[in-house]
Protein backbone atom coordinates (compact mmCIF):
# COMPACT_ATOMS: atom_id res chain seq x y z
CA UNK A 1 -73.73 -1.73 23.06
CA UNK A 2 -73.21 1.31 20.98
CA UNK A 3 -69.50 2.49 20.08
CA UNK A 4 -68.29 4.82 17.49
CA UNK A 5 -66.10 3.39 14.67
CA UNK A 6 -62.98 4.64 16.41
CA UNK A 7 -63.79 3.11 19.57
CA UNK A 8 -64.56 -0.17 17.86
CA UNK A 9 -61.24 -0.09 15.80
CA UNK A 10 -59.26 0.36 19.35
CA UNK A 11 -61.21 -2.44 20.68
CA UNK A 12 -60.72 -5.24 17.96
CA UNK A 13 -58.04 -6.33 15.57
CA UNK A 14 -57.99 -5.51 11.88
CA UNK A 15 -59.25 -8.68 11.07
CA UNK A 16 -62.02 -8.52 13.47
CA UNK A 17 -63.07 -5.04 12.73
CA UNK A 18 -63.19 -5.90 8.94
CA UNK A 19 -65.24 -8.92 9.53
CA UNK A 20 -67.38 -8.08 12.41
CA UNK A 21 -68.01 -4.10 11.70
CA UNK A 22 -67.69 -4.29 8.15
CA UNK A 23 -69.51 -7.19 7.11
CA UNK A 24 -66.51 -9.00 5.77
CA UNK A 25 -65.95 -12.82 5.35
CA UNK A 26 -62.69 -14.76 6.93
CA UNK A 27 -61.14 -17.10 4.32
CA UNK A 28 -62.90 -20.45 4.84
CA UNK A 29 -60.82 -23.17 7.23
CA UNK A 30 -58.62 -20.49 8.60
CA UNK A 31 -60.94 -20.02 11.75
CA UNK A 32 -59.47 -20.71 15.03
CA UNK A 33 -62.79 -22.06 16.24
CA UNK A 34 -63.70 -24.03 13.38
CA UNK A 35 -62.41 -27.27 14.69
CA UNK A 36 -62.88 -26.65 18.18
CA UNK A 37 -64.89 -29.49 19.78
CA UNK A 38 -64.84 -28.33 23.84
CA UNK A 39 -67.96 -27.85 25.36
CA UNK A 40 -68.94 -23.92 26.21
CA UNK A 41 -70.47 -20.87 24.80
CA UNK A 42 -69.70 -19.10 21.73
CA UNK A 43 -70.07 -15.09 22.32
CA UNK A 44 -70.13 -12.49 20.53
CA UNK A 45 -66.57 -11.03 20.24
CA UNK A 46 -67.64 -7.29 20.10
CA UNK A 47 -69.80 -7.40 23.19
CA UNK A 48 -69.75 -10.77 24.95
CA UNK A 49 -73.14 -12.00 24.45
CA UNK A 50 -74.02 -15.47 24.36
CA UNK A 51 -74.81 -16.50 20.51
CA UNK A 52 -74.32 -20.33 20.30
CA UNK A 53 -74.20 -23.45 22.53
CA UNK A 54 -71.21 -26.08 21.69
CA UNK A 55 -73.87 -28.62 21.59
CA UNK A 56 -75.13 -27.09 18.20
CA UNK A 57 -72.25 -27.07 16.62
CA UNK A 58 -71.48 -29.32 13.71
CA UNK A 59 -69.13 -30.21 10.91
CA UNK A 60 -70.67 -28.65 7.81
CA UNK A 61 -67.49 -28.97 6.05
CA UNK A 62 -68.04 -25.50 4.34
CA UNK A 63 -65.03 -24.07 5.90
CA UNK A 64 -66.77 -21.95 8.97
CA UNK A 65 -68.24 -22.76 12.30
CA UNK A 66 -71.39 -23.97 11.83
CA UNK A 67 -74.52 -24.38 14.33
CA UNK A 68 -77.91 -26.03 13.94
CA UNK A 69 -79.62 -23.42 16.25
CA UNK A 70 -78.75 -20.04 18.06
CA UNK A 71 -78.68 -20.24 22.03
CA UNK A 72 -81.70 -19.88 23.95
CA UNK A 73 -80.56 -16.38 24.93
CA UNK A 74 -82.16 -15.33 21.25
CA UNK A 75 -79.49 -13.02 20.68
CA UNK A 76 -79.11 -13.49 17.00
CA UNK A 77 -81.16 -10.98 14.49
CA UNK A 78 -81.70 -11.71 10.76
CA UNK A 79 -81.45 -9.47 7.90
CA UNK A 80 -81.71 -9.80 4.28
CA UNK A 81 -78.50 -9.75 2.42
CA UNK A 82 -78.65 -9.12 -1.58
CA UNK A 83 -74.76 -8.06 -1.90
CA UNK A 84 -72.49 -10.07 -4.41
CA UNK A 85 -75.31 -10.85 -6.54
CA UNK A 86 -77.03 -13.72 -4.01
CA UNK A 87 -79.68 -13.37 -1.84
CA UNK A 88 -78.89 -14.75 1.74
CA UNK A 89 -79.91 -13.84 5.34
CA UNK A 90 -77.50 -12.19 7.32
CA UNK A 91 -76.73 -12.99 10.92
CA UNK A 92 -75.85 -10.29 13.37
CA UNK A 93 -75.37 -9.92 17.06
CA UNK A 94 -78.61 -8.32 18.28
CA UNK A 95 -76.96 -6.30 21.03
CA UNK A 96 -74.22 -4.47 19.27
CA UNK A 97 -74.97 -5.46 15.42
CA UNK A 98 -71.66 -7.13 14.68
CA UNK A 99 -71.65 -9.33 11.53
CA UNK A 100 -71.50 -12.90 12.21
CA UNK A 101 -72.27 -14.56 8.87
CA UNK A 102 -75.16 -16.25 7.17
CA UNK A 103 -78.12 -18.63 8.00
CA UNK A 104 -79.10 -21.35 5.60
CA UNK A 105 -81.80 -23.96 5.47
CA UNK A 106 -79.62 -26.84 4.73
CA UNK A 107 -78.69 -27.81 8.38
CA UNK A 108 -79.48 -30.71 10.21
CA UNK A 109 -82.58 -31.76 11.78
CA UNK A 110 -84.78 -30.89 13.97
CA UNK A 111 -83.90 -27.21 12.97
CA UNK A 112 -82.82 -27.49 9.55
CA UNK A 113 -80.72 -24.45 9.88
CA UNK A 114 -77.11 -23.84 9.15
CA UNK A 115 -75.64 -20.97 11.23
CA UNK A 116 -72.73 -20.22 9.24
CA UNK A 117 -70.26 -18.26 11.33
CA UNK A 118 -67.23 -16.50 11.04
CA UNK A 119 -64.64 -17.55 13.93
CA UNK A 120 -63.20 -14.16 14.14
CA UNK A 121 -66.80 -12.75 15.22
CA UNK A 122 -66.93 -15.06 18.12
CA UNK A 123 -64.98 -15.92 21.11
CA UNK A 124 -65.22 -19.31 23.14
CA UNK A 125 -65.80 -19.67 26.70
CA UNK A 126 -64.97 -23.00 27.71
CA UNK A 127 -67.47 -24.87 30.61
CA UNK A 128 -65.55 -25.05 34.05
CA UNK A 129 -64.87 -28.66 34.70
C-alpha cells in the first residue's frame, strides 16, 4: 500500500503518523493494547494486514505489547536499525512499510523472539464468539 505523506497524514492521527510513518516510539506502559488479553488478530493500523496472533502475545514487562512470533501470514519484514547509538532489528509491515517496533532475542521458547511493538502501530480484531 503506497500512499503519499499527505495521504498518510489524512488517514492517521498525529501519534499514529509519528510512530508508524516517522519511526517514532510511544511511551512505555501507555499503549491501549498493552494489557489486551482478548483472543483475536493484531493487524497493521495503516493497511489492515494481519501481523500477530493473540496466542503469541506475552507480558515481557517492557511496557509495549510483545509477541513471540509473527503470524503465519508472514507480513513482518526486518531491517537493520543503527539509530540512537544502538544496533537493533526494526520490524515493519511488509505491505505498507509501517514502523512497528523492534525484535529481540530474549523472548520465550520455542522461538526465543520478542517482537516489541508499539500499540499505536496496531489495531485489534477480536475473534467472533
